[in-house]
Protein backbone atom coordinates (compact mmCIF):
# COMPACT_ATOMS: atom_id res chain seq x y z
CA MET A 1 -14.30 -6.04 13.82
CA SER A 2 -16.50 -2.81 13.68
CA SER A 3 -18.21 -2.26 10.21
CA SER A 4 -17.43 1.32 10.11
CA TYR A 5 -14.00 2.85 10.25
CA THR A 6 -15.50 6.54 9.83
CA GLU A 7 -13.08 8.18 12.06
CA PHE A 8 -10.29 5.19 11.78
CA ALA A 9 -9.99 5.43 8.17
CA HIS A 10 -8.62 9.11 8.02
CA ILE A 11 -5.52 8.15 10.65
CA TYR A 12 -4.99 4.69 9.28
CA ASP A 13 -2.25 5.52 6.88
CA GLU A 14 -0.63 7.34 9.78
CA LEU A 15 -0.73 4.53 11.75
CA MET A 16 0.63 1.71 9.07
CA ASN A 17 3.56 4.10 8.31
CA ASP A 18 6.04 1.46 9.49
CA ILE A 19 4.69 -1.16 7.09
CA PRO A 20 7.17 -1.82 4.18
CA TYR A 21 4.62 -1.86 1.30
CA ASP A 22 7.58 -1.52 -0.79
CA ALA A 23 8.67 -4.86 0.01
CA TYR A 24 5.06 -6.56 -0.65
CA ILE A 25 5.28 -4.81 -4.35
CA GLU A 26 8.50 -6.60 -4.91
CA LEU A 27 7.13 -9.95 -3.45
CA LEU A 28 4.47 -9.94 -5.86
CA ASP A 29 6.53 -8.31 -8.55
CA LEU A 30 8.52 -11.14 -8.55
CA ALA A 31 5.98 -13.76 -7.80
CA SER A 32 3.99 -12.79 -10.94
CA ALA A 33 7.12 -11.98 -13.13
CA GLY A 34 6.26 -8.44 -13.04
CA VAL A 35 2.98 -6.37 -12.38
CA SER A 36 2.86 -4.09 -15.29
CA GLY A 37 0.16 -4.80 -17.46
CA LYS A 38 -1.31 -7.27 -15.32
CA LYS A 39 -4.79 -7.30 -13.56
CA VAL A 40 -4.27 -7.25 -10.05
CA LEU A 41 -6.94 -8.10 -7.24
CA ASP A 42 -5.93 -5.91 -3.94
CA ILE A 43 -8.30 -7.55 -1.25
CA GLY A 44 -8.90 -6.11 1.88
CA CYS A 45 -7.46 -3.08 0.28
CA GLY A 46 -8.26 -0.62 2.87
CA THR A 47 -7.41 2.98 2.10
CA GLY A 48 -6.11 2.03 -1.18
CA LEU A 49 -1.99 2.60 -0.14
CA LEU A 50 -1.20 -0.70 -1.86
CA SER A 51 -3.82 -0.47 -4.78
CA ALA A 52 -2.22 3.00 -5.74
CA MET A 53 1.33 1.58 -5.58
CA LEU A 54 0.61 -1.33 -7.79
CA ALA A 55 -1.16 0.98 -10.19
CA LYS A 56 1.76 3.17 -10.32
CA ARG A 57 3.90 0.10 -11.52
CA GLY A 58 1.43 -0.14 -14.35
CA ALA A 59 -1.06 -2.74 -12.88
CA TYR A 60 -4.73 -2.71 -13.68
CA VAL A 61 -6.11 -2.65 -10.03
CA THR A 62 -9.31 -3.65 -8.41
CA GLY A 63 -9.31 -3.16 -5.04
CA VAL A 64 -11.69 -5.09 -2.68
CA ASP A 65 -12.80 -4.17 0.93
CA LEU A 66 -15.97 -4.28 3.24
CA SER A 67 -15.53 -0.94 4.64
CA CYS A 68 -17.27 1.71 2.61
CA ASP A 69 -15.27 4.64 4.72
CA MET A 70 -11.96 2.92 3.87
CA LEU A 71 -12.88 2.79 0.18
CA GLU A 72 -13.97 6.43 0.35
CA VAL A 73 -10.49 7.22 1.28
CA ALA A 74 -9.17 4.95 -1.34
CA ALA A 75 -11.02 6.25 -4.19
CA HIS A 76 -10.01 10.02 -3.05
CA ARG A 77 -6.41 8.64 -3.07
CA ALA A 78 -6.96 7.38 -6.26
CA GLY A 79 -8.38 10.28 -7.89
CA SER A 80 -6.10 12.63 -6.73
CA LEU A 81 -3.24 10.60 -8.18
CA GLY A 82 -4.87 10.31 -11.60
CA LEU A 83 -5.21 6.64 -11.22
CA ALA A 84 -7.66 4.67 -12.69
CA ILE A 85 -8.55 2.04 -9.88
CA GLN A 86 -11.69 0.01 -9.62
CA PHE A 87 -12.89 -0.43 -6.00
CA LYS A 88 -15.54 -2.76 -4.62
CA GLU A 89 -17.33 -3.11 -1.41
CA GLN A 90 -17.54 -6.61 -0.33
CA PRO A 91 -16.38 -9.06 2.19
CA MET A 92 -13.71 -11.16 0.57
CA GLN A 93 -15.66 -14.21 1.48
CA GLN A 94 -18.17 -13.05 -0.73
CA LEU A 95 -15.62 -11.85 -3.53
CA ASP A 96 -17.52 -11.37 -7.13
CA VAL A 97 -15.50 -9.67 -9.36
CA GLU A 98 -16.04 -9.52 -13.28
CA GLY A 99 -13.36 -11.08 -15.60
CA LYS A 100 -10.05 -13.27 -14.52
CA PHE A 101 -7.13 -11.80 -12.87
CA ASP A 102 -3.44 -12.49 -13.01
CA ALA A 103 -2.64 -12.23 -9.44
CA ALA A 104 -4.18 -11.35 -5.90
CA VAL A 105 -3.01 -10.14 -2.97
CA ILE A 106 -4.28 -10.43 0.82
CA SER A 107 -1.92 -8.02 2.49
CA ILE A 108 -0.83 -6.93 6.12
CA ASP A 109 -2.82 -9.68 7.83
CA SER A 110 -6.32 -8.69 6.17
CA LEU A 111 -7.31 -12.28 6.02
CA ASN A 112 -7.21 -12.51 9.83
CA TYR A 113 -10.29 -10.58 10.21
CA VAL A 114 -12.08 -13.49 8.52
CA ILE A 115 -12.99 -15.34 11.74
CA SER A 116 -14.90 -18.68 10.49
CA GLN A 117 -12.66 -21.31 8.94
CA LYS A 118 -15.46 -21.89 6.47
CA ASP A 119 -15.35 -18.27 5.42
CA VAL A 120 -11.46 -18.64 4.79
CA GLU A 121 -12.01 -21.86 2.82
CA GLU A 122 -14.66 -19.70 1.05
CA THR A 123 -12.22 -16.98 0.22
CA PHE A 124 -9.30 -19.10 -1.26
CA ASN A 125 -12.22 -20.88 -3.01
CA ARG A 126 -13.47 -17.10 -4.65
CA VAL A 127 -9.79 -16.29 -5.33
CA TYR A 128 -9.36 -19.53 -7.19
CA GLN A 129 -12.23 -18.88 -9.39
CA ALA A 130 -11.12 -15.11 -10.04
CA LEU A 131 -7.38 -15.81 -11.30
CA VAL A 132 -6.22 -17.13 -14.50
CA LYS A 133 -4.46 -20.33 -15.15
CA ASP A 134 -1.12 -19.96 -13.43
CA GLY A 135 -2.38 -16.54 -11.62
CA VAL A 136 -0.66 -16.25 -8.17
CA LEU A 137 -2.05 -15.28 -4.70
CA LEU A 138 0.17 -13.79 -2.24
CA PHE A 139 -1.07 -13.34 1.19
CA ASP A 140 0.24 -13.04 5.07
CA VAL A 141 -1.26 -14.03 8.28
CA HIS A 142 -0.02 -13.56 11.96
CA SER A 143 1.57 -16.55 13.44
CA LEU A 144 -0.04 -18.43 16.28
CA TYR A 145 3.04 -17.30 18.32
CA LYS A 146 1.95 -13.81 17.68
CA MET A 147 -1.79 -14.53 18.29
CA ASP A 148 -1.21 -16.63 21.64
CA GLU A 149 1.50 -14.82 23.32
CA ILE A 150 2.67 -11.58 21.85
CA PHE A 151 -0.81 -9.88 21.44
CA LEU A 152 -1.51 -10.79 24.81
CA GLU A 153 1.21 -9.11 26.19
CA GLY A 154 -1.02 -5.74 26.11
CA PRO A 155 -2.37 -3.36 27.01
CA PHE A 156 -0.19 -1.32 24.39
CA VAL A 157 0.25 2.24 24.02
CA TYR A 158 1.27 4.79 21.11
CA ASP A 159 1.53 8.48 21.13
CA ASN A 160 3.11 10.42 18.16
CA GLY A 161 1.76 13.80 19.57
CA GLY A 162 -1.33 13.97 17.15
CA ILE A 163 -2.35 10.40 17.52
CA ALA A 164 -2.36 8.27 20.70
CA TYR A 165 -4.13 5.17 21.29
CA ILE A 166 -4.66 2.54 24.37
CA TRP A 167 -4.97 -1.22 22.98
CA GLU A 168 -6.15 -3.68 25.20
CA THR A 169 -6.48 -7.45 24.17
CA SER A 170 -7.93 -10.30 25.45
CA PRO A 171 -8.41 -13.85 24.33
CA GLY A 172 -11.23 -14.22 21.62
CA ASP A 173 -14.04 -17.00 21.69
CA HIS A 174 -12.11 -19.15 19.02
CA GLU A 175 -8.92 -20.69 19.54
CA HIS A 176 -6.17 -18.63 18.36
CA SER A 177 -8.12 -15.67 18.04
CA VAL A 178 -7.70 -12.05 19.79
CA TYR A 179 -10.41 -9.59 20.86
CA SER A 180 -8.87 -6.08 20.64
CA GLU A 181 -10.44 -2.78 22.16
CA LEU A 182 -8.90 0.50 20.92
CA ALA A 183 -9.23 3.69 22.37
CA PHE A 184 -7.99 6.59 19.91
CA PHE A 185 -7.37 10.17 20.64
CA MET A 186 -6.78 12.70 17.99
CA ARG A 187 -5.21 15.89 18.31
CA GLN A 188 -7.44 18.94 17.15
CA GLU A 189 -6.15 22.50 16.09
CA ASN A 190 -7.08 23.93 19.67
CA GLY A 191 -4.75 21.50 21.19
CA SER A 192 -7.99 19.57 22.59
CA PHE A 193 -8.40 15.74 21.56
CA ILE A 194 -11.49 13.95 20.54
CA ARG A 195 -11.81 10.21 21.29
CA PHE A 196 -13.25 7.32 19.30
CA ASP A 197 -13.31 3.58 19.75
CA GLU A 198 -12.86 0.60 17.48
CA VAL A 199 -13.38 -3.18 18.48
CA HIS A 200 -11.64 -5.42 16.33
CA MET A 201 -11.45 -9.57 16.16
CA GLN A 202 -8.85 -11.42 14.69
CA ARG A 203 -8.13 -15.26 14.30
CA SER A 204 -5.50 -17.33 12.72
CA PHE A 205 -4.92 -20.74 11.96
CA SER A 206 -1.87 -23.20 12.15
CA ILE A 207 0.18 -23.42 8.74
CA PRO A 208 -0.74 -27.01 8.43
CA ASP A 209 -4.50 -25.89 8.32
CA TYR A 210 -3.76 -23.00 5.99
CA VAL A 211 -1.85 -25.44 3.85
CA ARG A 212 -4.89 -27.79 3.66
CA MET A 213 -7.40 -25.06 3.06
CA ILE A 214 -5.16 -23.75 0.24
CA GLU A 215 -4.70 -27.11 -1.40
CA GLU A 216 -8.12 -28.21 -1.11
CA ALA A 217 -9.38 -24.74 -3.06
CA GLY A 218 -7.18 -26.41 -5.95
CA PHE A 219 -3.82 -24.06 -5.46
CA HIS A 220 -0.58 -25.31 -5.17
CA ILE A 221 2.22 -24.20 -2.90
CA GLU A 222 5.21 -22.35 -4.23
CA ARG A 223 6.83 -21.10 -0.95
CA ILE A 224 5.97 -20.29 2.69
CA PHE A 225 8.10 -17.80 4.39
CA ALA A 226 8.21 -15.52 7.38
CA ASP A 227 8.89 -11.88 8.45
CA TRP A 228 9.46 -10.54 5.23
CA GLU A 229 12.47 -12.61 4.72
CA ASP A 230 13.18 -15.67 2.56
CA GLU A 231 13.52 -18.03 5.36
CA PRO A 232 11.07 -20.78 6.43
CA PRO A 233 8.99 -20.00 9.51
CA THR A 234 10.28 -20.55 13.10
CA GLU A 235 8.40 -20.91 16.31
CA GLU A 236 8.88 -17.36 16.99
CA SER A 237 8.08 -15.96 13.70
CA GLU A 238 5.55 -13.44 13.52
CA ARG A 239 4.25 -12.88 10.23
CA ILE A 240 3.61 -15.83 7.79
CA PHE A 241 3.70 -15.17 4.23
CA PHE A 242 2.13 -17.75 1.47
CA GLN A 243 2.76 -17.29 -2.19
CA VAL A 244 0.41 -20.16 -4.12
CA ARG A 245 -0.61 -20.64 -7.50
CA LYS A 246 -3.37 -21.83 -9.53
């Protein structure tokens, strides 16, 4: 994954329009017996969409992301909405926050950008240390079916008139990983387009591997479900959710 999202950060929100963030809020609200008044870690917060929604619900939010450009957009969003959200620039496997939190969320496959299994394990360890006793962690990852089959059906194209991209994919260097090259085209006021390119790498692990890593960190698993539904994963599920507790 590129370390800078300078251009990408400004169109990220539009590209994420189809993500049901409201459903994520409801999932976290249910898992933590309400978010109002709770201290919540939004890990891999990006441009702060979910952070802002949580803060509007009365949560005390700290957003963490490795991209200073994403965080700049997130801080501007929070300021324009009058929301007191703290943002910290750090990789999730180096999570270092003050105090203890009631809940943590790693949403929209952000964890899949952590490639090394050791770093995934360290992420779980650090989140565990950041939570209060009985604190909840909610996260989702791409299924192996999505990584190994769906993503490799590319290239994929998108065009809404103002933003277009060509997304080419190939197997990554690690098992169940995908290397992506994206060429973005942004329409300017004069009708011309500017282009910028992004390179991304994502990796996923099997459900049993995640279970082992979660339990080794000290969490106990409350439920595993798929594709925004309260149903167990199947062979063709695409997004796997984990709700775990300290």
